[in-house]
Amino acid sequence: CAAILDDVLIYEVLVRLPANGCGCFRRSWRAGITGASFVRRHLELSRTRPPSVLAVPREVDPLDDYATSTEISFHRLMLPPAPAPGTTETELIFEKAWPEGITRRIAPTHCDGLVAIATATDRVFVCNPATGEFVALPLGRHNAELQDRDLLVPPVALGFDRWRNCYVVGRYFYRAYGEKSFNNVTGEYSQDYDIGQEVFTIGAGSWELTQDPPHAVGILMPMCTRRAFYWHSDVPKPRLMRFSLQGRTFAVVSRPPVGRDHLSVHEMVDLDGKLCYVHAAAEASFHVWLADDRHDELQWSLHCRIDLHPDPNLIYYSRPVISDGGKMLFRAAGEYSYNHLFWCSVPNNTREKMVDLYTRPDGSKYVGQSQDLLQYVVPYFESLVSLTACNY
């Protein structure tokens, strides 16, 4: 009985350790921490901890949208509580050299400690920063959209398919991509295109074609929940398309009642397990809508209105990153870059503090002295989920 009790206590201690601390014990314990039950329990506990943010700094080349770098790094943001100074420190979690090169412009997305990195090419990477695993997925089908648009990083989706017990990456691609035109009379876009989608099961060997999306896919980041991927389309008019992870089929679903203004800024994220849609109703004024995707028909509700005083140094392009109680952390566009975060108190409709992702508290720069630094940020919690073994 004493031995069993000791094993239980050891298990409860190990499962609460950071991912990088679980491998620092004797060999007889390591077998247990690689098992599926341990990995799942570690993941459950990680989800209960305060939300954190992962930053991927990239120094872009303003003269070359397809410039590459031979390394990439992942940093956990140490967000200061109010009313601390408006800068933040970072903790380097993982860095990787990649001699073949990774485009400096990327589009990361997160699920259960895994990060999928879309690039300005057809290449997609997946990483678990906590365990140090980093893989390049096989090249998928060529996206013809890349040939016709500048500053484009086609986003990918990343989620857990609980019906097949696997993590999947989804990407759209255009077989043909024609010029888009807008009709001022009908208020709709028209375009000749041929679009498809493919998914990759992490740990498997190749991309698999799915049902084609019913409409063109726009450049907004998809929302990824435990049930589906949600893609945004603006051709011929704005709408949402849901790709069911269970049935692997598409359906058109309702958007929030935000009108059909193509010039307004829209952003989509999955926030605390719910769909979040942000609509720029006016300059420095945003409407945040939430919906639960547990039902086939989405019921959107206006969560809050955020009205900010115009700041000449900021272009208010805002995207929620995480929520914590009555506060939401937003990404804001700076005058020269997208390197600002701010906490917004939802009940009071006030901006509480600004966090500068470009400058350290001591005044030094995170990456050189260039103004062309982009800090890509995603919500994050660590896990032991493997990219090569089904340990979940």
Protein backbone atom coordinates (compact mmCIF):
# COMPACT_ATOMS: atom_id res chain seq x y z
CA CYS A 1 0.00 0.00 0.00
CA ALA A 2 2.84 2.37 0.82
CA ALA A 3 4.39 1.75 -2.59
CA ILE A 4 1.07 2.44 -4.32
CA LEU A 5 0.63 5.64 -2.31
CA ASP A 6 4.15 6.74 -3.24
CA ASP A 7 3.41 6.14 -6.92
CA VAL A 8 0.20 8.18 -6.69
CA LEU A 9 1.99 11.06 -5.00
CA ILE A 10 4.80 10.98 -7.56
CA TYR A 11 2.25 10.99 -10.38
CA GLU A 12 0.40 13.99 -8.91
CA VAL A 13 3.67 15.88 -8.54
CA LEU A 14 4.95 15.11 -12.03
CA VAL A 15 1.69 15.89 -13.80
CA ARG A 16 1.78 19.43 -12.38
CA LEU A 17 5.31 20.20 -13.50
CA PRO A 18 6.13 22.30 -16.56
CA ALA A 19 6.64 20.23 -19.69
CA ASN A 20 10.39 20.85 -19.70
CA GLY A 21 10.63 19.58 -16.12
CA CYS A 22 8.99 16.23 -16.71
CA GLY A 23 12.08 14.69 -18.28
CA CYS A 24 14.43 15.51 -15.41
CA PHE A 25 13.69 12.39 -13.40
CA ARG A 26 14.92 8.84 -13.30
CA ARG A 27 14.22 6.44 -16.14
CA SER A 28 11.62 4.38 -14.25
CA TRP A 29 9.38 7.45 -14.00
CA ARG A 30 9.86 8.62 -17.58
CA ALA A 31 7.88 5.72 -19.01
CA GLY A 32 4.82 6.92 -17.13
CA ILE A 33 5.00 10.50 -18.33
CA THR A 34 4.95 9.45 -21.99
CA GLY A 35 1.70 7.51 -21.61
CA ALA A 36 -1.57 8.83 -23.00
CA SER A 37 -3.30 9.14 -19.61
CA PHE A 38 -0.45 11.26 -18.22
CA VAL A 39 -0.31 13.49 -21.31
CA ARG A 40 -4.08 14.04 -21.22
CA ARG A 41 -4.05 14.86 -17.50
CA HIS A 42 -1.10 17.24 -17.94
CA LEU A 43 -3.03 18.96 -20.73
CA GLU A 44 -6.17 19.27 -18.59
CA LEU A 45 -4.21 20.95 -15.81
CA SER A 46 -2.47 23.28 -18.27
CA ARG A 47 -5.86 24.51 -19.46
CA THR A 48 -6.83 25.47 -15.91
CA ARG A 49 -3.84 27.76 -15.44
CA PRO A 50 -4.01 31.50 -16.20
CA PRO A 51 -3.87 32.15 -19.95
CA SER A 52 -0.54 33.05 -21.47
CA VAL A 53 0.69 34.35 -24.81
CA LEU A 54 3.30 32.97 -27.18
CA ALA A 55 5.25 35.38 -29.39
CA VAL A 56 7.17 34.53 -32.55
CA PRO A 57 9.37 37.50 -33.53
CA ARG A 58 10.21 37.87 -37.23
CA GLU A 59 12.28 40.65 -38.75
CA VAL A 60 10.70 41.15 -42.16
CA ASP A 61 12.24 42.58 -45.30
CA PRO A 62 10.06 45.47 -46.59
CA LEU A 63 11.50 45.00 -50.09
CA ASP A 64 10.97 41.24 -50.32
CA ASP A 65 7.73 39.64 -49.13
CA TYR A 66 9.22 36.17 -49.63
CA ALA A 67 12.50 36.76 -47.78
CA THR A 68 13.51 33.86 -45.55
CA SER A 69 15.35 33.32 -42.30
CA THR A 70 17.31 30.24 -41.28
CA GLU A 71 16.02 30.26 -37.71
CA ILE A 72 12.82 30.71 -35.75
CA SER A 73 12.21 31.23 -32.03
CA PHE A 74 9.24 31.00 -29.66
CA HIS A 75 8.88 33.18 -26.56
CA ARG A 76 6.37 33.20 -23.73
CA LEU A 77 5.28 36.74 -22.92
CA MET A 78 5.56 37.64 -19.25
CA LEU A 79 2.61 40.01 -19.23
CA PRO A 80 2.81 42.56 -16.41
CA PRO A 81 -0.22 43.06 -14.18
CA ALA A 82 -1.67 46.54 -14.11
CA PRO A 83 -0.41 49.09 -13.28
CA ALA A 84 3.11 47.91 -14.21
CA PRO A 85 5.10 49.77 -16.87
CA GLY A 86 3.92 49.27 -20.43
CA THR A 87 6.66 46.89 -21.51
CA THR A 88 7.00 43.17 -21.15
CA GLU A 89 9.73 40.60 -20.73
CA THR A 90 9.83 37.33 -22.61
CA GLU A 91 10.99 33.84 -21.77
CA LEU A 92 12.66 31.96 -24.61
CA ILE A 93 10.99 28.56 -24.79
CA PHE A 94 12.45 27.12 -27.97
CA GLU A 95 14.52 28.11 -30.97
CA LYS A 96 15.21 26.14 -34.10
CA ALA A 97 17.69 26.47 -36.94
CA TRP A 98 16.29 25.61 -40.36
CA PRO A 99 18.99 25.90 -43.06
CA GLU A 100 16.47 25.59 -45.91
CA GLY A 101 14.85 28.82 -44.74
CA ILE A 102 11.43 29.85 -43.41
CA THR A 103 9.70 32.89 -44.83
CA ARG A 104 9.92 35.84 -42.49
CA ARG A 105 6.22 36.52 -42.90
CA ILE A 106 4.19 33.78 -41.23
CA ALA A 107 0.74 33.09 -39.78
CA PRO A 108 0.83 30.98 -36.59
CA THR A 109 -2.12 29.28 -34.93
CA HIS A 110 -2.30 27.26 -31.70
CA CYS A 111 -4.08 24.19 -30.34
CA ASP A 112 -3.26 22.23 -27.17
CA GLY A 113 0.35 23.37 -27.01
CA LEU A 114 0.98 22.78 -30.71
CA VAL A 115 1.69 25.67 -33.08
CA ALA A 116 1.13 25.47 -36.84
CA ILE A 117 3.20 27.94 -38.86
CA ALA A 118 1.81 28.94 -42.25
CA THR A 119 4.31 30.64 -44.54
CA ALA A 120 4.23 32.80 -47.66
CA THR A 121 4.73 29.60 -49.69
CA ASP A 122 2.98 26.23 -49.78
CA ARG A 123 5.13 25.04 -46.85
CA VAL A 124 3.59 24.51 -43.39
CA PHE A 125 5.48 23.76 -40.17
CA VAL A 126 4.19 22.36 -36.88
CA CYS A 127 5.97 22.74 -33.56
CA ASN A 128 5.56 21.90 -29.89
CA PRO A 129 7.76 24.57 -28.27
CA ALA A 130 7.58 22.90 -24.85
CA THR A 131 8.98 19.56 -26.05
CA GLY A 132 11.23 20.97 -28.77
CA GLU A 133 9.62 19.05 -31.63
CA PHE A 134 9.61 20.91 -34.96
CA VAL A 135 8.60 19.35 -38.28
CA ALA A 136 8.00 20.52 -41.83
CA LEU A 137 4.87 18.95 -43.25
CA PRO A 138 5.07 17.53 -46.77
CA LEU A 139 4.26 20.07 -49.44
CA GLY A 140 0.57 20.20 -50.21
CA ARG A 141 -1.10 21.17 -53.45
CA HIS A 142 0.06 24.46 -54.91
CA ASN A 143 -2.02 27.50 -54.01
CA ALA A 144 -2.44 29.62 -57.16
CA GLU A 145 -3.43 32.57 -54.97
CA LEU A 146 0.23 33.01 -54.01
CA GLN A 147 1.09 34.09 -57.55
CA ASP A 148 -1.39 36.97 -57.63
CA ARG A 149 -1.29 38.63 -54.23
CA ASP A 150 1.41 40.51 -52.35
CA LEU A 151 1.94 40.41 -48.59
CA LEU A 152 -0.07 37.20 -48.46
CA VAL A 153 0.35 34.39 -45.97
CA PRO A 154 -2.56 31.99 -46.52
CA PRO A 155 -3.56 30.92 -42.99
CA VAL A 156 -4.03 27.32 -41.91
CA ALA A 157 -6.32 25.75 -39.34
CA LEU A 158 -5.20 23.48 -36.49
CA GLY A 159 -7.48 21.43 -34.28
CA PHE A 160 -8.14 18.17 -32.47
CA ASP A 161 -10.47 15.67 -34.12
CA ARG A 162 -11.93 13.88 -31.10
CA TRP A 163 -13.85 11.45 -33.30
CA ARG A 164 -10.61 10.09 -34.77
CA ASN A 165 -8.37 10.98 -31.80
CA CYS A 166 -5.90 12.95 -33.88
CA TYR A 167 -4.66 16.48 -34.48
CA VAL A 168 -5.24 17.83 -37.96
CA VAL A 169 -4.00 20.78 -39.99
CA GLY A 170 -6.35 22.20 -42.61
CA ARG A 171 -5.32 24.42 -45.51
CA TYR A 172 -7.21 25.79 -48.48
CA PHE A 173 -5.67 26.15 -51.92
CA TYR A 174 -6.77 27.65 -55.21
CA ARG A 175 -6.42 25.56 -58.33
CA ALA A 176 -7.25 28.73 -60.28
CA TYR A 177 -7.40 32.27 -58.94
CA GLY A 178 -8.89 35.03 -61.08
CA GLU A 179 -9.04 38.75 -60.54
CA LYS A 180 -11.66 39.95 -58.07
CA SER A 181 -14.05 42.79 -58.97
CA PHE A 182 -16.66 44.66 -56.93
CA ASN A 183 -20.11 45.66 -58.17
CA ASN A 184 -21.19 48.95 -56.59
CA VAL A 185 -24.82 48.31 -57.52
CA THR A 186 -25.23 44.87 -55.96
CA GLY A 187 -22.59 45.39 -53.27
CA GLU A 188 -21.04 42.02 -54.10
CA TYR A 189 -17.73 40.71 -55.38
CA SER A 190 -17.35 38.48 -58.40
CA GLN A 191 -14.40 36.25 -59.21
CA ASP A 192 -13.46 33.25 -61.32
CA TYR A 193 -11.80 30.67 -59.11
CA ASP A 194 -11.50 26.98 -58.34
CA ILE A 195 -10.84 26.22 -54.67
CA GLY A 196 -10.10 23.10 -52.66
CA GLN A 197 -9.13 22.08 -49.15
CA GLU A 198 -6.85 19.40 -47.77
CA VAL A 199 -6.12 18.16 -44.26
CA PHE A 200 -3.04 16.58 -42.75
CA THR A 201 -3.23 14.23 -39.78
CA ILE A 202 -0.23 14.94 -37.56
CA GLY A 203 1.88 11.82 -37.39
CA ALA A 204 0.53 10.57 -40.74
CA GLY A 205 2.22 10.73 -44.10
CA SER A 206 0.31 12.85 -46.60
CA TRP A 207 -2.34 15.49 -47.22
CA GLU A 208 -5.88 14.28 -47.91
CA LEU A 209 -8.39 16.11 -50.06
CA THR A 210 -11.72 16.98 -48.47
CA GLN A 211 -14.95 18.33 -49.86
CA ASP A 212 -14.31 21.63 -51.65
CA PRO A 213 -15.31 24.81 -49.80
CA PRO A 214 -18.62 26.13 -51.19
CA HIS A 215 -17.18 29.64 -51.64
CA ALA A 216 -13.85 31.42 -51.93
CA VAL A 217 -11.84 31.66 -48.72
CA GLY A 218 -10.65 35.08 -47.56
CA ILE A 219 -7.44 35.98 -45.75
CA LEU A 220 -8.91 36.16 -42.23
CA MET A 221 -7.49 33.66 -39.75
CA PRO A 222 -9.89 30.74 -39.31
CA MET A 223 -11.61 29.96 -36.03
CA CYS A 224 -10.80 26.47 -34.76
CA THR A 225 -12.97 24.83 -32.11
CA ARG A 226 -13.32 21.30 -30.76
CA ARG A 227 -15.92 20.64 -33.45
CA ALA A 228 -14.95 22.48 -36.59
CA PHE A 229 -12.86 24.90 -38.60
CA TYR A 230 -14.56 28.17 -39.56
CA TRP A 231 -13.38 29.98 -42.69
CA HIS A 232 -14.45 33.46 -43.80
CA SER A 233 -15.51 34.27 -47.35
CA ASP A 234 -16.25 37.61 -48.99
CA VAL A 235 -17.15 36.35 -52.48
CA PRO A 236 -19.79 37.12 -53.54
CA LYS A 237 -20.65 38.53 -50.08
CA PRO A 238 -19.33 38.08 -46.53
CA ARG A 239 -20.23 34.74 -44.95
CA LEU A 240 -18.88 31.98 -42.72
CA MET A 241 -18.19 28.40 -43.79
CA ARG A 242 -17.95 25.63 -41.23
CA PHE A 243 -15.89 22.51 -41.90
CA SER A 244 -17.05 19.76 -39.56
CA LEU A 245 -14.23 17.69 -38.12
CA GLN A 246 -16.63 14.81 -37.53
CA GLY A 247 -18.26 14.58 -40.93
CA ARG A 248 -15.47 16.29 -42.91
CA THR A 249 -18.09 18.34 -44.78
CA PHE A 250 -18.76 22.06 -45.31
CA ALA A 251 -21.82 24.13 -44.47
CA VAL A 252 -22.56 27.85 -44.66
CA VAL A 253 -23.46 29.26 -41.23
CA SER A 254 -24.64 32.61 -39.96
CA ARG A 255 -22.42 35.58 -39.23
CA PRO A 256 -23.18 38.22 -36.62
CA PRO A 257 -25.58 40.93 -37.87
CA VAL A 258 -22.82 43.36 -38.82
CA GLY A 259 -23.98 44.30 -42.30
CA ARG A 260 -22.18 43.87 -45.59
CA ASP A 261 -19.63 46.66 -45.45
CA HIS A 262 -16.57 45.26 -47.22
CA LEU A 263 -14.43 48.16 -46.01
CA SER A 264 -14.92 47.44 -42.31
CA VAL A 265 -12.25 45.49 -40.47
CA HIS A 266 -13.34 42.05 -39.31
CA GLU A 267 -11.38 39.60 -37.20
CA MET A 268 -12.17 36.05 -36.09
CA VAL A 269 -10.69 34.05 -33.23
CA ASP A 270 -11.68 31.20 -30.96
CA LEU A 271 -11.75 32.62 -27.44
CA ASP A 272 -12.18 30.41 -24.37
CA GLY A 273 -13.78 27.72 -26.49
CA LYS A 274 -16.24 30.10 -28.14
CA LEU A 275 -16.36 31.73 -31.53
CA CYS A 276 -15.38 35.39 -31.39
CA TYR A 277 -16.06 37.84 -34.22
CA VAL A 278 -14.81 41.42 -34.02
CA HIS A 279 -16.35 44.10 -36.21
CA ALA A 280 -14.87 47.59 -36.57
CA ALA A 281 -18.08 49.60 -36.37
CA ALA A 282 -16.26 52.94 -36.56
CA GLU A 283 -12.84 54.44 -36.02
CA ALA A 284 -11.49 53.13 -32.70
CA SER A 285 -14.83 51.42 -31.99
CA PHE A 286 -15.25 47.65 -32.02
CA HIS A 287 -18.15 45.27 -31.49
CA VAL A 288 -17.21 41.88 -30.06
CA TRP A 289 -19.65 39.05 -30.82
CA LEU A 290 -19.60 35.56 -29.29
CA ALA A 291 -21.29 32.29 -30.27
CA ASP A 292 -21.25 28.72 -29.02
CA ASP A 293 -20.71 26.16 -31.77
CA ARG A 294 -22.20 23.19 -29.90
CA HIS A 295 -25.32 23.59 -32.02
CA ASP A 296 -25.66 23.54 -35.78
CA GLU A 297 -27.31 26.96 -35.84
CA LEU A 298 -25.01 29.66 -34.49
CA GLN A 299 -26.64 32.11 -32.09
CA TRP A 300 -24.51 35.25 -31.93
CA SER A 301 -24.70 37.66 -29.01
CA LEU A 302 -23.05 41.04 -28.63
CA HIS A 303 -20.52 40.48 -25.85
CA CYS A 304 -19.26 44.03 -25.55
CA ARG A 305 -18.58 47.31 -27.31
CA ILE A 306 -15.09 48.71 -27.03
CA ASP A 307 -14.76 52.43 -27.71
CA LEU A 308 -11.22 53.74 -27.59
CA HIS A 309 -9.99 57.30 -27.74
CA PRO A 310 -8.24 57.83 -31.08
CA ASP A 311 -4.48 57.82 -30.72
CA PRO A 312 -2.41 59.38 -33.53
CA ASN A 313 0.29 56.75 -33.00
CA LEU A 314 -2.07 53.81 -33.44
CA ILE A 315 -4.20 52.44 -36.21
CA TYR A 316 -6.92 50.64 -34.35
CA TYR A 317 -6.77 47.28 -36.00
CA SER A 318 -7.60 45.05 -33.04
CA ARG A 319 -7.70 41.31 -32.62
CA PRO A 320 -8.51 39.55 -29.32
CA VAL A 321 -5.76 37.23 -28.11
CA ILE A 322 -6.92 35.93 -24.73
CA SER A 323 -9.55 36.71 -22.11
CA ASP A 324 -9.06 36.61 -18.37
CA GLY A 325 -12.10 37.24 -16.22
CA GLY A 326 -13.56 40.60 -17.13
CA LYS A 327 -10.58 41.60 -19.26
CA MET A 328 -9.61 40.89 -22.84
CA LEU A 329 -6.13 41.19 -24.29
CA PHE A 330 -6.19 42.77 -27.75
CA ARG A 331 -3.59 43.09 -30.45
CA ALA A 332 -3.32 46.63 -31.82
CA ALA A 333 -1.51 47.96 -34.86
CA GLY A 334 1.18 50.53 -34.16
CA GLU A 335 2.23 53.38 -36.41
CA TYR A 336 5.04 51.31 -37.90
CA SER A 337 4.27 47.78 -36.78
CA TYR A 338 1.79 45.46 -35.09
CA ASN A 339 3.75 45.27 -31.86
CA HIS A 340 1.28 46.45 -29.24
CA LEU A 341 -1.07 44.65 -26.89
CA PHE A 342 -3.58 46.27 -24.61
CA TRP A 343 -5.82 45.04 -21.83
CA CYS A 344 -9.41 46.15 -22.10
CA SER A 345 -11.80 46.01 -19.18
CA VAL A 346 -15.03 44.72 -20.69
CA PRO A 347 -17.47 45.94 -18.00
CA ASN A 348 -15.97 49.45 -17.97
CA ASN A 349 -15.28 49.64 -21.70
CA THR A 350 -11.85 51.13 -21.00
CA ARG A 351 -8.34 50.46 -22.21
CA GLU A 352 -6.32 49.74 -19.11
CA LYS A 353 -2.76 49.46 -20.34
CA MET A 354 -0.61 49.18 -23.41
CA VAL A 355 2.17 46.62 -23.73
CA ASP A 356 4.97 47.38 -26.18
CA LEU A 357 6.24 44.18 -27.78
CA TYR A 358 9.09 45.98 -29.50
CA THR A 359 11.01 47.35 -26.54
CA ARG A 360 12.30 45.63 -23.42
CA PRO A 361 11.91 47.31 -20.02
CA ASP A 362 15.57 48.42 -20.20
CA GLY A 363 14.95 50.17 -23.52
CA SER A 364 16.75 47.66 -25.74
CA LYS A 365 15.13 46.05 -28.77
CA TYR A 366 14.10 42.41 -28.94
CA VAL A 367 15.52 41.81 -32.43
CA GLY A 368 18.22 44.22 -33.54
CA GLN A 369 17.30 47.85 -34.04
CA SER A 370 15.04 47.41 -37.06
CA GLN A 371 11.59 48.96 -37.27
CA ASP A 372 10.59 45.98 -39.41
CA LEU A 373 10.12 43.58 -36.50
CA LEU A 374 6.80 41.77 -36.34
CA GLN A 375 5.80 39.97 -33.17
CA TYR A 376 3.27 37.29 -34.10
CA VAL A 377 1.28 36.32 -31.02
CA VAL A 378 -1.10 33.45 -30.24
CA PRO A 379 -2.73 32.19 -27.03
CA TYR A 380 -0.68 29.42 -25.51
CA PHE A 381 -0.49 26.75 -22.87
CA GLU A 382 2.13 24.05 -22.86
CA SER A 383 1.59 20.34 -23.34
CA LEU A 384 3.41 17.06 -23.87
CA VAL A 385 1.47 16.23 -27.05
CA SER A 386 3.86 14.63 -29.53
CA LEU A 387 4.13 15.33 -33.24
CA THR A 388 5.43 11.86 -34.04
CA ALA A 389 3.75 9.50 -31.56
CA CYS A 390 0.06 9.26 -30.69
CA ASN A 391 0.56 9.82 -26.96
CA TYR A 392 -2.84 11.40 -26.34
